[in-house]
Every structure is written in C-alpha cells, then in structure tokens.
C-alpha cells in the first residue's frame, strides 16, 4: 500500500513536503515515483527514485524546484516542493513499480496541493 500525505494550501513561493508511506512488501529493486494531476489535465510524471541506490530523475518542468528522497529504514518516500507556483496546484500521487516493469503497478490515493497566488 502507498499512502501520500502532506498536501495543503500554500501561498505562491512557499514550500511543502509530501510524504508517502509504503507498506505491504519490500521495495528492493523497485522505483518509487510521484505524479500529479491538475484540474482538467492529464496525470503527469514529477519525479522518481530507485529504492536501492537512491538514483533520482525529474520532470523538466519541476527539476529545479523539487527534490525526491526516500528513507529505507522507515519505508517512506518524500517529495520536497519549493518555490511553488499556482500551476503546481494538483493532486499528487505516490506510485511504485518494479525495476523490470514499464508501467507503475501500485498507486496510492493522492494528496491535494493548492497554491494560491
């Protein structure tokens, strides 16, 4: 199971840290990702991190403002959002896939981030 939390209302320029609690299995050789879906738009990839080595990858649209990290001991994945803009308003989802899979296999309920101007 994946459970995201940490969303809320923040002013433009502010920061939020989203958390994802991962449970139900070991995530060795898995990739943990964050996606977001803005109102009226398709879901888009934000960032991912490999569970084993912590290798990260970011969408070009956020890479200068976002940091993904994981805490292996506590099975947590984090997404630090900085310099937030109104266009970052979206429901943010935590997801996971095995490194051999092409599609994300597990999704959690999202957490809403609202950025006011």
PDB file of N, CA and C in Angstrom:
ATOM      1  N   UNK A   1       0.835  -1.195   0.000  1.00  0.00           N
ATOM      2  CA  UNK A   1       0.000   0.000   0.000  1.00  0.00           C
ATOM      3  C   UNK A   1       0.873   1.249   0.000  1.00  0.00           C
ATOM      4  N   UNK A   2       0.336   2.274  -0.629  1.00  0.00           N
ATOM      5  CA  UNK A   2       1.016   3.555  -0.658  1.00  0.00           C
ATOM      6  C   UNK A   2       0.040   4.603  -0.150  1.00  0.00           C
ATOM      7  N   UNK A   3       0.504   5.438   0.747  1.00  0.00           N
ATOM      8  CA  UNK A   3      -0.368   6.460   1.311  1.00  0.00           C
ATOM      9  C   UNK A   3       0.376   7.784   1.315  1.00  0.00           C
ATOM     10  N   UNK A   4      -0.109   8.699   0.489  1.00  0.00           N
ATOM     11  CA  UNK A   4       0.503  10.023   0.412  1.00  0.00           C
ATOM     12  C   UNK A   4      -0.155  10.957   1.409  1.00  0.00           C
ATOM     13  N   UNK A   5       0.621  11.894   1.889  1.00  0.00           N
ATOM     14  CA  UNK A   5       0.117  12.904   2.813  1.00  0.00           C
ATOM     15  C   UNK A   5       0.979  14.143   2.702  1.00  0.00           C
ATOM     16  N   UNK A   6       0.538  15.207   3.355  1.00  0.00           N
ATOM     17  CA  UNK A   6       1.338  16.420   3.402  1.00  0.00           C
ATOM     18  C   UNK A   6       0.854  17.550   2.521  1.00  0.00           C
ATOM     19  N   UNK A   7      -0.185  17.293   1.735  1.00  0.00           N
ATOM     20  CA  UNK A   7      -0.717  18.353   0.903  1.00  0.00           C
ATOM     21  C   UNK A   7      -1.413  19.424   1.732  1.00  0.00           C
ATOM     22  N   UNK A   8      -1.750  20.504   1.066  1.00  0.00           N
ATOM     23  CA  UNK A   8      -2.438  21.579   1.750  1.00  0.00           C
ATOM     24  C   UNK A   8      -2.465  22.834   0.912  1.00  0.00           C
ATOM     25  N   UNK A   9      -2.841  23.914   1.548  1.00  0.00           N
ATOM     26  CA  UNK A   9      -2.909  25.218   0.888  1.00  0.00           C
ATOM     27  C   UNK A   9      -1.658  26.008   1.235  1.00  0.00           C
ATOM     28  N   UNK A  10      -1.011  26.528   0.228  1.00  0.00           N
ATOM     29  CA  UNK A  10       0.219  27.294   0.441  1.00  0.00           C
ATOM     30  C   UNK A  10       0.229  28.464  -0.532  1.00  0.00           C
ATOM     31  N   UNK A  11       0.857  29.543  -0.120  1.00  0.00           N
ATOM     32  CA  UNK A  11       0.977  30.694  -0.999  1.00  0.00           C
ATOM     33  C   UNK A  11       2.086  30.481  -2.021  1.00  0.00           C
ATOM     34  N   UNK A  12       1.947  31.144  -3.143  1.00  0.00           N
ATOM     35  CA  UNK A  12       2.988  31.085  -4.169  1.00  0.00           C
ATOM     36  C   UNK A  12       4.329  31.468  -3.551  1.00  0.00           C
ATOM     37  N   UNK A  13       5.335  30.718  -3.927  1.00  0.00           N
ATOM     38  CA  UNK A  13       6.663  30.931  -3.369  1.00  0.00           C
ATOM     39  C   UNK A  13       6.961  30.090  -2.148  1.00  0.00           C
ATOM     40  N   UNK A  14       5.948  29.467  -1.612  1.00  0.00           N
ATOM     41  CA  UNK A  14       6.120  28.642  -0.423  1.00  0.00           C
ATOM     42  C   UNK A  14       6.605  27.250  -0.736  1.00  0.00           C
ATOM     43  N   UNK A  15       6.679  26.438   0.317  1.00  0.00           N
ATOM     44  CA  UNK A  15       7.189  25.077   0.201  1.00  0.00           C
ATOM     45  C   UNK A  15       6.264  24.101   0.910  1.00  0.00           C
ATOM     46  N   UNK A  16       6.321  22.871   0.463  1.00  0.00           N
ATOM     47  CA  UNK A  16       5.619  21.776   1.112  1.00  0.00           C
ATOM     48  C   UNK A  16       6.477  20.538   0.976  1.00  0.00           C
ATOM     49  N   UNK A  17       6.366  19.654   1.942  1.00  0.00           N
ATOM     50  CA  UNK A  17       6.977  18.333   1.814  1.00  0.00           C
ATOM     51  C   UNK A  17       5.882  17.285   1.858  1.00  0.00           C
ATOM     52  N   UNK A  18       5.778  16.541   0.790  1.00  0.00           N
ATOM     53  CA  UNK A  18       4.835  15.444   0.712  1.00  0.00           C
ATOM     54  C   UNK A  18       5.514  14.165   1.167  1.00  0.00           C
ATOM     55  N   UNK A  19       4.738  13.338   1.816  1.00  0.00           N
ATOM     56  CA  UNK A  19       5.249  12.058   2.299  1.00  0.00           C
ATOM     57  C   UNK A  19       4.449  10.924   1.698  1.00  0.00           C
ATOM     58  N   UNK A  20       5.098   9.802   1.515  1.00  0.00           N
ATOM     59  CA  UNK A  20       4.436   8.593   1.034  1.00  0.00           C
ATOM     60  C   UNK A  20       4.887   7.440   1.904  1.00  0.00           C
ATOM     61  N   UNK A  21       3.940   6.866   2.610  1.00  0.00           N
ATOM     62  CA  UNK A  21       4.225   5.692   3.429  1.00  0.00           C
ATOM     63  C   UNK A  21       3.982   4.451   2.593  1.00  0.00           C
ATOM     64  N   UNK A  22       5.011   3.634   2.462  1.00  0.00           N
ATOM     65  CA  UNK A  22       4.934   2.430   1.640  1.00  0.00           C
ATOM     66  C   UNK A  22       4.917   1.200   2.542  1.00  0.00           C
ATOM     67  N   UNK A  23       3.996   0.297   2.297  1.00  0.00           N
ATOM     68  CA  UNK A  23       3.891  -0.885   3.143  1.00  0.00           C
ATOM     69  C   UNK A  23       3.403  -2.080   2.337  1.00  0.00           C
ATOM     70  N   UNK A  24       3.440  -3.236   2.945  1.00  0.00           N
ATOM     71  CA  UNK A  24       2.873  -4.420   2.330  1.00  0.00           C
ATOM     72  C   UNK A  24       3.852  -5.308   1.595  1.00  0.00           C
ATOM     73  N   UNK A  25       5.064  -4.818   1.383  1.00  0.00           N
ATOM     74  CA  UNK A  25       6.070  -5.634   0.696  1.00  0.00           C
ATOM     75  C   UNK A  25       7.411  -4.949   0.868  1.00  0.00           C
ATOM     76  N   UNK A  26       8.440  -5.637   0.468  1.00  0.00           N
ATOM     77  CA  UNK A  26       9.738  -4.992   0.397  1.00  0.00           C
ATOM     78  C   UNK A  26       9.868  -4.335  -0.972  1.00  0.00           C
ATOM     79  N   UNK A  27      10.569  -3.234  -1.032  1.00  0.00           N
ATOM     80  CA  UNK A  27      10.668  -2.479  -2.264  1.00  0.00           C
ATOM     81  C   UNK A  27      12.055  -2.539  -2.896  1.00  0.00           C
ATOM     82  N   UNK A  28      12.806  -3.534  -2.497  1.00  0.00           N
ATOM     83  CA  UNK A  28      14.105  -3.744  -3.123  1.00  0.00           C
ATOM     84  C   UNK A  28      13.903  -3.914  -4.625  1.00  0.00           C
ATOM     85  N   UNK A  29      14.712  -3.214  -5.397  1.00  0.00           N
ATOM     86  CA  UNK A  29      14.630  -3.253  -6.865  1.00  0.00           C
ATOM     87  C   UNK A  29      13.356  -2.618  -7.416  1.00  0.00           C
ATOM     88  N   UNK A  30      12.738  -1.795  -6.637  1.00  0.00           N
ATOM     89  CA  UNK A  30      11.578  -1.046  -7.115  1.00  0.00           C
ATOM     90  C   UNK A  30      11.955   0.417  -7.328  1.00  0.00           C
ATOM     91  N   UNK A  31      11.085   1.077  -8.072  1.00  0.00           N
ATOM     92  CA  UNK A  31      11.222   2.505  -8.337  1.00  0.00           C
ATOM     93  C   UNK A  31       9.987   3.198  -7.779  1.00  0.00           C
ATOM     94  N   UNK A  32      10.220   4.229  -7.009  1.00  0.00           N
ATOM     95  CA  UNK A  32       9.137   4.970  -6.375  1.00  0.00           C
ATOM     96  C   UNK A  32       8.975   6.306  -7.090  1.00  0.00           C
ATOM     97  N   UNK A  33       7.756   6.608  -7.477  1.00  0.00           N
ATOM     98  CA  UNK A  33       7.536   7.822  -8.239  1.00  0.00           C
ATOM     99  C   UNK A  33       6.474   8.719  -7.649  1.00  0.00           C
ATOM    100  N   UNK A  34       6.543   9.966  -8.058  1.00  0.00           N
ATOM    101  CA  UNK A  34       5.488  10.933  -7.759  1.00  0.00           C
ATOM    102  C   UNK A  34       4.923  11.445  -9.084  1.00  0.00           C
ATOM    103  N   UNK A  35       3.622  11.509  -9.121  1.00  0.00           N
ATOM    104  CA  UNK A  35       2.904  12.050 -10.259  1.00  0.00           C
ATOM    105  C   UNK A  35       1.955  13.127  -9.742  1.00  0.00           C
ATOM    106  N   UNK A  36       1.425  13.906 -10.655  1.00  0.00           N
ATOM    107  CA  UNK A  36       0.420  14.882 -10.249  1.00  0.00           C
ATOM    108  C   UNK A  36      -0.614  15.046 -11.362  1.00  0.00           C
ATOM    109  N   UNK A  37      -1.807  15.439 -10.943  1.00  0.00           N
ATOM    110  CA  UNK A  37      -2.872  15.694 -11.894  1.00  0.00           C
ATOM    111  C   UNK A  37      -3.570  16.988 -11.517  1.00  0.00           C
ATOM    112  N   UNK A  38      -3.417  17.965 -12.387  1.00  0.00           N
ATOM    113  CA  UNK A  38      -4.054  19.260 -12.183  1.00  0.00           C
ATOM    114  C   UNK A  38      -5.491  19.195 -12.691  1.00  0.00           C
ATOM    115  N   UNK A  39      -6.330  20.070 -12.192  1.00  0.00           N
ATOM    116  CA  UNK A  39      -7.731  20.071 -12.637  1.00  0.00           C
ATOM    117  C   UNK A  39      -7.846  20.200 -14.152  1.00  0.00           C
ATOM    118  N   UNK A  40      -8.571  19.279 -14.742  1.00  0.00           N
ATOM    119  CA  UNK A  40      -8.799  19.323 -16.174  1.00  0.00           C
ATOM    120  C   UNK A  40      -7.637  18.877 -17.027  1.00  0.00           C
ATOM    121  N   UNK A  41      -6.605  18.362 -16.401  1.00  0.00           N
ATOM    122  CA  UNK A  41      -5.423  17.932 -17.155  1.00  0.00           C
ATOM    123  C   UNK A  41      -5.124  16.465 -16.907  1.00  0.00           C
ATOM    124  N   UNK A  42      -4.291  15.919 -17.756  1.00  0.00           N
ATOM    125  CA  UNK A  42      -3.878  14.533 -17.585  1.00  0.00           C
ATOM    126  C   UNK A  42      -2.830  14.431 -16.481  1.00  0.00           C
ATOM    127  N   UNK A  43      -2.751  13.253 -15.934  1.00  0.00           N
ATOM    128  CA  UNK A  43      -1.740  13.000 -14.924  1.00  0.00           C
ATOM    129  C   UNK A  43      -0.358  13.080 -15.550  1.00  0.00           C
ATOM    130  N   UNK A  44       0.587  13.675 -14.828  1.00  0.00           N
ATOM    131  CA  UNK A  44       1.930  13.816 -15.375  1.00  0.00           C
ATOM    132  C   UNK A  44       2.968  13.357 -14.351  1.00  0.00           C
ATOM    133  N   UNK A  45       4.057  12.881 -14.867  1.00  0.00           N
ATOM    134  CA  UNK A  45       5.171  12.428 -14.052  1.00  0.00           C
ATOM    135  C   UNK A  45       5.876  13.627 -13.432  1.00  0.00           C
ATOM    136  N   UNK A  46       6.285  13.476 -12.180  1.00  0.00           N
ATOM    137  CA  UNK A  46       7.029  14.533 -11.498  1.00  0.00           C
ATOM    138  C   UNK A  46       8.468  14.107 -11.232  1.00  0.00           C
ATOM    139  N   UNK A  47       8.626  12.967 -10.584  1.00  0.00           N
ATOM    140  CA  UNK A  47       9.975  12.516 -10.220  1.00  0.00           C
ATOM    141  C   UNK A  47       9.933  11.054  -9.821  1.00  0.00           C
ATOM    142  N   UNK A  48      11.092  10.404  -9.881  1.00  0.00           N
ATOM    143  CA  UNK A  48      11.194   9.059  -9.316  1.00  0.00           C
ATOM    144  C   UNK A  48      12.550   8.855  -8.652  1.00  0.00           C
ATOM    145  N   UNK A  49      12.585   7.834  -7.827  1.00  0.00           N
ATOM    146  CA  UNK A  49      13.811   7.482  -7.131  1.00  0.00           C
ATOM    147  C   UNK A  49      13.901   5.975  -7.055  1.00  0.00           C
ATOM    148  N   UNK A  50      15.075   5.437  -7.288  1.00  0.00           N
ATOM    149  CA  UNK A  50      15.263   4.000  -7.155  1.00  0.00           C
ATOM    150  C   UNK A  50      15.455   3.658  -5.688  1.00  0.00           C
ATOM    151  N   UNK A  51      14.775   2.584  -5.286  1.00  0.00           N
ATOM    152  CA  UNK A  51      14.799   2.255  -3.866  1.00  0.00           C
ATOM    153  C   UNK A  51      16.199   1.875  -3.397  1.00  0.00           C
ATOM    154  N   UNK A  52      16.880   1.089  -4.186  1.00  0.00           N
ATOM    155  CA  UNK A  52      18.175   0.569  -3.751  1.00  0.00           C
ATOM    156  C   UNK A  52      19.244   1.657  -3.644  1.00  0.00           C
ATOM    157  N   UNK A  53      19.476   2.353  -4.746  1.00  0.00           N
ATOM    158  CA  UNK A  53      20.603   3.280  -4.798  1.00  0.00           C
ATOM    159  C   UNK A  53      20.211   4.735  -4.574  1.00  0.00           C
ATOM    160  N   UNK A  54      18.931   5.017  -4.647  1.00  0.00           N
ATOM    161  CA  UNK A  54      18.507   6.393  -4.472  1.00  0.00           C
ATOM    162  C   UNK A  54      18.762   7.271  -5.676  1.00  0.00           C
ATOM    163  N   UNK A  55      18.886   6.658  -6.830  1.00  0.00           N
ATOM    164  CA  UNK A  55      19.064   7.426  -8.058  1.00  0.00           C
ATOM    165  C   UNK A  55      17.774   8.156  -8.384  1.00  0.00           C
ATOM    166  N   UNK A  56      17.898   9.432  -8.735  1.00  0.00           N
ATOM    167  CA  UNK A  56      16.705  10.243  -8.960  1.00  0.00           C
ATOM    168  C   UNK A  56      16.576  10.696 -10.402  1.00  0.00           C
ATOM    169  N   UNK A  57      15.364  11.004 -10.769  1.00  0.00           N
ATOM    170  CA  UNK A  57      15.075  11.540 -12.097  1.00  0.00           C
ATOM    171  C   UNK A  57      13.878  12.463 -11.963  1.00  0.00           C
ATOM    172  N   UNK A  58      13.951  13.607 -12.652  1.00  0.00           N
ATOM    173  CA  UNK A  58      12.915  14.620 -12.514  1.00  0.00           C
ATOM    174  C   UNK A  58      12.351  15.050 -13.863  1.00  0.00           C
ATOM    175  N   UNK A  59      11.095  15.454 -13.826  1.00  0.00           N
ATOM    176  CA  UNK A  59      10.499  16.094 -14.983  1.00  0.00           C
ATOM    177  C   UNK A  59      11.182  17.442 -15.199  1.00  0.00           C
ATOM    178  N   UNK A  60      11.362  17.816 -16.436  1.00  0.00           N
ATOM    179  CA  UNK A  60      11.988  19.104 -16.733  1.00  0.00           C
ATOM    180  C   UNK A  60      11.203  20.272 -16.147  1.00  0.00           C
ATOM    181  N   UNK A  61       9.907  20.084 -16.018  1.00  0.00           N
ATOM    182  CA  UNK A  61       9.073  21.207 -15.567  1.00  0.00           C
ATOM    183  C   UNK A  61       9.255  21.529 -14.089  1.00  0.00           C
ATOM    184  N   UNK A  62       9.831  20.601 -13.317  1.00  0.00           N
ATOM    185  CA  UNK A  62       9.940  20.831 -11.881  1.00  0.00           C
ATOM    186  C   UNK A  62      11.342  20.634 -11.331  1.00  0.00           C
ATOM    187  N   UNK A  63      12.275  20.190 -12.142  1.00  0.00           N
ATOM    188  CA  UNK A  63      13.535  19.680 -11.606  1.00  0.00           C
ATOM    189  C   UNK A  63      14.330  20.686 -10.796  1.00  0.00           C
ATOM    190  N   UNK A  64      14.121  21.964 -11.027  1.00  0.00           N
ATOM    191  CA  UNK A  64      14.864  22.968 -10.257  1.00  0.00           C
ATOM    192  C   UNK A  64      14.196  23.309  -8.934  1.00  0.00           C
ATOM    193  N   UNK A  65      13.003  22.781  -8.715  1.00  0.00           N
ATOM    194  CA  UNK A  65      12.234  23.169  -7.536  1.00  0.00           C
ATOM    195  C   UNK A  65      11.808  21.992  -6.672  1.00  0.00           C
ATOM    196  N   UNK A  66      12.156  20.807  -7.084  1.00  0.00           N
ATOM    197  CA  UNK A  66      11.641  19.614  -6.420  1.00  0.00           C
ATOM    198  C   UNK A  66      12.788  18.679  -6.059  1.00  0.00           C
ATOM    199  N   UNK A  67      12.661  18.047  -4.908  1.00  0.00           N
ATOM    200  CA  UNK A  67      13.631  17.028  -4.510  1.00  0.00           C
ATOM    201  C   UNK A  67      12.884  15.808  -4.013  1.00  0.00           C
ATOM    202  N   UNK A  68      13.215  14.652  -4.571  1.00  0.00           N
ATOM    203  CA  UNK A  68      12.638  13.387  -4.111  1.00  0.00           C
ATOM    204  C   UNK A  68      13.688  12.666  -3.279  1.00  0.00           C
ATOM    205  N   UNK A  69      13.226  12.018  -2.232  1.00  0.00           N
ATOM    206  CA  UNK A  69      14.141  11.267  -1.378  1.00  0.00           C
ATOM    207  C   UNK A  69      13.398  10.084  -0.789  1.00  0.00           C
ATOM    208  N   UNK A  70      14.156   9.152  -0.215  1.00  0.00           N
ATOM    209  CA  UNK A  70      13.498   8.024   0.440  1.00  0.00           C
ATOM    210  C   UNK A  70      14.233   7.675   1.724  1.00  0.00           C
ATOM    211  N   UNK A  71      13.493   7.103   2.635  1.00  0.00           N
ATOM    212  CA  UNK A  71      14.011   6.636   3.918  1.00  0.00           C
ATOM    213  C   UNK A  71      13.763   5.136   3.945  1.00  0.00           C
ATOM    214  N   UNK A  72      14.800   4.376   3.637  1.00  0.00           N
ATOM    215  CA  UNK A  72      14.626   2.931   3.522  1.00  0.00           C
ATOM    216  C   UNK A  72      14.259   2.302   4.851  1.00  0.00           C
ATOM    217  N   UNK A  73      14.791   2.803   5.917  1.00  0.00           N
ATOM    218  CA  UNK A  73      14.538   2.214   7.237  1.00  0.00           C
ATOM    219  C   UNK A  73      13.072   2.304   7.629  1.00  0.00           C
ATOM    220  N   UNK A  74      12.427   3.385   7.194  1.00  0.00           N
ATOM    221  CA  UNK A  74      11.035   3.597   7.574  1.00  0.00           C
ATOM    222  C   UNK A  74      10.056   3.454   6.424  1.00  0.00           C
ATOM    223  N   UNK A  75      10.554   2.995   5.281  1.00  0.00           N
ATOM    224  CA  UNK A  75       9.697   2.789   4.104  1.00  0.00           C
ATOM    225  C   UNK A  75       8.910   4.042   3.741  1.00  0.00           C
ATOM    226  N   UNK A  76       9.630   5.148   3.681  1.00  0.00           N
ATOM    227  CA  UNK A  76       9.000   6.416   3.343  1.00  0.00           C
ATOM    228  C   UNK A  76       9.654   7.020   2.101  1.00  0.00           C
ATOM    229  N   UNK A  77       8.852   7.690   1.319  1.00  0.00           N
ATOM    230  CA  UNK A  77       9.337   8.455   0.174  1.00  0.00           C
ATOM    231  C   UNK A  77       8.821   9.883   0.346  1.00  0.00           C
ATOM    232  N   UNK A  78       9.672  10.831   0.017  1.00  0.00           N
ATOM    233  CA  UNK A  78       9.310  12.232   0.216  1.00  0.00           C
ATOM    234  C   UNK A  78       9.439  13.020  -1.085  1.00  0.00           C
ATOM    235  N   UNK A  79       8.657  14.063  -1.175  1.00  0.00           N
ATOM    236  CA  UNK A  79       8.771  14.997  -2.297  1.00  0.00           C
ATOM    237  C   UNK A  79       8.762  16.404  -1.713  1.00  0.00           C
ATOM    238  N   UNK A  80       9.910  17.046  -1.777  1.00  0.00           N
ATOM    239  CA  UNK A  80      10.029  18.418  -1.304  1.00  0.00           C
ATOM    240  C   UNK A  80       9.726  19.358  -2.462  1.00  0.00           C
ATOM    241  N   UNK A  81       8.724  20.190  -2.264  1.00  0.00           N
ATOM    242  CA  UNK A  81       8.313  21.146  -3.284  1.00  0.00           C
ATOM    243  C   UNK A  81       8.681  22.546  -2.809  1.00  0.00           C
ATOM    244  N   UNK A  82       9.462  23.254  -3.605  1.00  0.00           N
ATOM    245  CA  UNK A  82       9.898  24.600  -3.255  1.00  0.00           C
ATOM    246  C   UNK A  82       9.457  25.603  -4.323  1.00  0.00           C
ATOM    247  N   UNK A  83       9.462  26.858  -3.953  1.00  0.00           N
ATOM    248  CA  UNK A  83       9.115  27.937  -4.891  1.00  0.00           C
ATOM    249  C   UNK A  83       7.830  27.605  -5.640  1.00  0.00           C
ATOM    250  N   UNK A  84       6.833  27.214  -4.890  1.00  0.00           N
ATOM    251  CA  UNK A  84       5.593  26.745  -5.508  1.00  0.00           C
ATOM    252  C   UNK A  84       4.900  27.846  -6.294  1.00  0.00           C
ATOM    253  N   UNK A  85       4.278  27.416  -7.378  1.00  0.00           N
ATOM    254  CA  UNK A  85       3.554  28.318  -8.266  1.00  0.00           C
ATOM    255  C   UNK A  85       2.097  27.872  -8.337  1.00  0.00           C
ATOM    256  N   UNK A  86       1.199  28.772  -8.681  1.00  0.00           N
ATOM    257  CA  UNK A  86      -0.209  28.359  -8.805  1.00  0.00           C
ATOM    258  C   UNK A  86      -0.396  27.184  -9.761  1.00  0.00           C
ATOM    259  N   UNK A  87       0.429  27.101 -10.783  1.00  0.00           N
ATOM    260  CA  UNK A  87       0.308  25.989 -11.729  1.00  0.00           C
ATOM    261  C   UNK A  87       0.778  24.649 -11.158  1.00  0.00           C
ATOM    262  N   UNK A  88       1.321  24.665  -9.965  1.00  0.00           N
ATOM    263  CA  UNK A  88       1.662  23.414  -9.283  1.00  0.00           C
ATOM    264  C   UNK A  88       0.448  22.835  -8.563  1.00  0.00           C
ATOM    265  N   UNK A  89      -0.647  23.566  -8.546  1.00  0.00           N
ATOM    266  CA  UNK A  89      -1.862  23.053  -7.919  1.00  0.00           C
ATOM    267  C   UNK A  89      -2.302  21.775  -8.607  1.00  0.00           C
ATOM    268  N   UNK A  90      -2.438  20.719  -7.814  1.00  0.00           N
ATOM    269  CA  UNK A  90      -2.764  19.403  -8.367  1.00  0.00           C
ATOM    270  C   UNK A  90      -2.946  18.421  -7.224  1.00  0.00           C
ATOM    271  N   UNK A  91      -3.493  17.279  -7.576  1.00  0.00           N
ATOM    272  CA  UNK A  91      -3.454  16.139  -6.670  1.00  0.00           C
ATOM    273  C   UNK A  91      -2.167  15.385  -6.959  1.00  0.00           C
ATOM    274  N   UNK A  92      -1.394  15.149  -5.939  1.00  0.00           N
ATOM    275  CA  UNK A  92      -0.110  14.474  -6.079  1.00  0.00           C
ATOM    276  C   UNK A  92      -0.248  13.024  -5.618  1.00  0.00           C
ATOM    277  N   UNK A  93       0.262  12.122  -6.454  1.00  0.00           N
ATOM    278  CA  UNK A  93       0.145  10.698  -6.194  1.00  0.00           C
ATOM    279  C   UNK A  93       1.515  10.063  -6.040  1.00  0.00           C
ATOM    280  N   UNK A  94       1.584   9.142  -5.110  1.00  0.00           N
ATOM    281  CA  UNK A  94       2.759   8.306  -4.951  1.00  0.00           C
ATOM    282  C   UNK A  94       2.500   6.991  -5.685  1.00  0.00           C
ATOM    283  N   UNK A  95       3.508   6.475  -6.367  1.00  0.00           N
ATOM    284  CA  UNK A  95       3.342   5.232  -7.117  1.00  0.00           C
ATOM    285  C   UNK A  95       4.627   4.422  -7.042  1.00  0.00           C
ATOM    286  N   UNK A  96       4.510   3.148  -7.396  1.00  0.00           N
ATOM    287  CA  UNK A  96       5.675   2.271  -7.342  1.00  0.00           C
ATOM    288  C   UNK A  96       5.610   1.242  -8.470  1.00  0.00           C
ATOM    289  N   UNK A  97       6.775   0.874  -8.950  1.00  0.00           N
ATOM    290  CA  UNK A  97       6.859  -0.202  -9.936  1.00  0.00           C
ATOM    291  C   UNK A  97       8.163  -0.946  -9.723  1.00  0.00           C
ATOM    292  N   UNK A  98       8.152  -2.184 -10.112  1.00  0.00           N
ATOM    293  CA  UNK A  98       9.403  -2.919 -10.069  1.00  0.00           C
ATOM    294  C   UNK A  98      10.308  -2.376 -11.170  1.00  0.00           C
ATOM    295  N   UNK A  99      11.587  -2.545 -11.010  1.00  0.00           N
ATOM    296  CA  UNK A  99      12.522  -2.002 -11.992  1.00  0.00           C
ATOM    297  C   UNK A  99      12.365  -2.670 -13.347  1.00  0.00           C
ATOM    298  N   UNK A 100      11.765  -3.854 -13.372  1.00  0.00           N
ATOM    299  CA  UNK A 100      11.563  -4.574 -14.631  1.00  0.00           C
ATOM    300  C   UNK A 100      10.262  -4.180 -15.319  1.00  0.00           C
ATOM    301  N   UNK A 101       9.401  -3.491 -14.632  1.00  0.00           N
ATOM    302  CA  UNK A 101       8.095  -3.134 -15.199  1.00  0.00           C
ATOM    303  C   UNK A 101       8.182  -1.824 -15.966  1.00  0.00           C
ATOM    304  N   UNK A 102       7.348  -1.693 -16.968  1.00  0.00           N
ATOM    305  CA  UNK A 102       7.319  -0.460 -17.741  1.00  0.00           C
ATOM    306  C   UNK A 102       6.267   0.505 -17.229  1.00  0.00           C
ATOM    307  N   UNK A 103       5.303  -0.036 -16.529  1.00  0.00           N
ATOM    308  CA  UNK A 103       4.237   0.799 -16.003  1.00  0.00           C
ATOM    309  C   UNK A 103       4.246   0.726 -14.476  1.00  0.00           C
ATOM    310  N   UNK A 104       3.758   1.787 -13.865  1.00  0.00           N
ATOM    311  CA  UNK A 104       3.646   1.776 -12.414  1.00  0.00           C
ATOM    312  C   UNK A 104       2.520   0.827 -12.016  1.00  0.00           C
ATOM    313  N   UNK A 105       2.837   0.011 -11.013  1.00  0.00           N
ATOM    314  CA  UNK A 105       1.939  -1.076 -10.644  1.00  0.00           C
ATOM    315  C   UNK A 105       1.105  -0.765  -9.416  1.00  0.00           C
ATOM    316  N   UNK A 106       1.588   0.105  -8.591  1.00  0.00           N
ATOM    317  CA  UNK A 106       0.887   0.407  -7.362  1.00  0.00           C
ATOM    318  C   UNK A 106       0.731   1.919  -7.239  1.00  0.00           C
ATOM    319  N   UNK A 107      -0.446   2.284  -6.841  1.00  0.00           N
ATOM    320  CA  UNK A 107      -0.782   3.691  -6.678  1.00  0.00           C
ATOM    321  C   UNK A 107      -1.478   3.893  -5.346  1.00  0.00           C
ATOM    322  N   UNK A 108      -1.227   5.010  -4.755  1.00  0.00           N
ATOM    323  CA  UNK A 108      -1.940   5.366  -3.552  1.00  0.00           C
ATOM    324  C   UNK A 108      -2.909   6.492  -3.833  1.00  0.00           C
ATOM    325  N   UNK A 109      -3.812   6.746  -2.910  1.00  0.00           N
ATOM    326  CA  UNK A 109      -4.685   7.901  -3.045  1.00  0.00           C
ATOM    327  C   UNK A 109      -3.851   9.174  -2.982  1.00  0.00           C
ATOM    328  N   UNK A 110      -4.241  10.159  -3.673  1.00  0.00           N
ATOM    329  CA  UNK A 110      -3.449  11.365  -3.784  1.00  0.00           C
ATOM    330  C   UNK A 110      -3.625  12.315  -2.615  1.00  0.00           C
ATOM    331  N   UNK A 111      -2.793  13.321  -2.622  1.00  0.00           N
ATOM    332  CA  UNK A 111      -2.899  14.398  -1.649  1.00  0.00           C
ATOM    333  C   UNK A 111      -2.939  15.719  -2.416  1.00  0.00           C
ATOM    334  N   UNK A 112      -3.871  16.567  -2.045  1.00  0.00           N
ATOM    335  CA  UNK A 112      -4.110  17.787  -2.803  1.00  0.00           C
ATOM    336  C   UNK A 112      -3.174  18.903  -2.354  1.00  0.00           C
ATOM    337  N   UNK A 113      -2.527  19.496  -3.341  1.00  0.00           N
ATOM    338  CA  UNK A 113      -1.708  20.684  -3.112  1.00  0.00           C
ATOM    339  C   UNK A 113      -2.372  21.846  -3.837  1.00  0.00           C
ATOM    340  N   UNK A 114      -2.665  22.888  -3.099  1.00  0.00           N
ATOM    341  CA  UNK A 114      -3.266  24.075  -3.677  1.00  0.00           C
ATOM    342  C   UNK A 114      -2.347  25.259  -3.428  1.00  0.00           C
ATOM    343  N   UNK A 115      -1.961  25.930  -4.500  1.00  0.00           N
ATOM    344  CA  UNK A 115      -1.057  27.065  -4.390  1.00  0.00           C
ATOM    345  C   UNK A 115      -1.823  28.324  -4.769  1.00  0.00           C
ATOM    346  N   UNK A 116      -1.932  29.225  -3.844  1.00  0.00           N
ATOM    347  CA  UNK A 116      -2.658  30.476  -4.100  1.00  0.00           C
ATOM    348  C   UNK A 116      -1.703  31.564  -4.574  1.00  0.00           C
ATOM    349  N   UNK A 117      -2.220  32.423  -5.413  1.00  0.00           N
ATOM    350  CA  UNK A 117      -1.382  33.499  -5.971  1.00  0.00           C
ATOM    351  C   UNK A 117      -1.410  34.734  -5.086  1.00  0.00           C
TER     352      UNK A 117
END
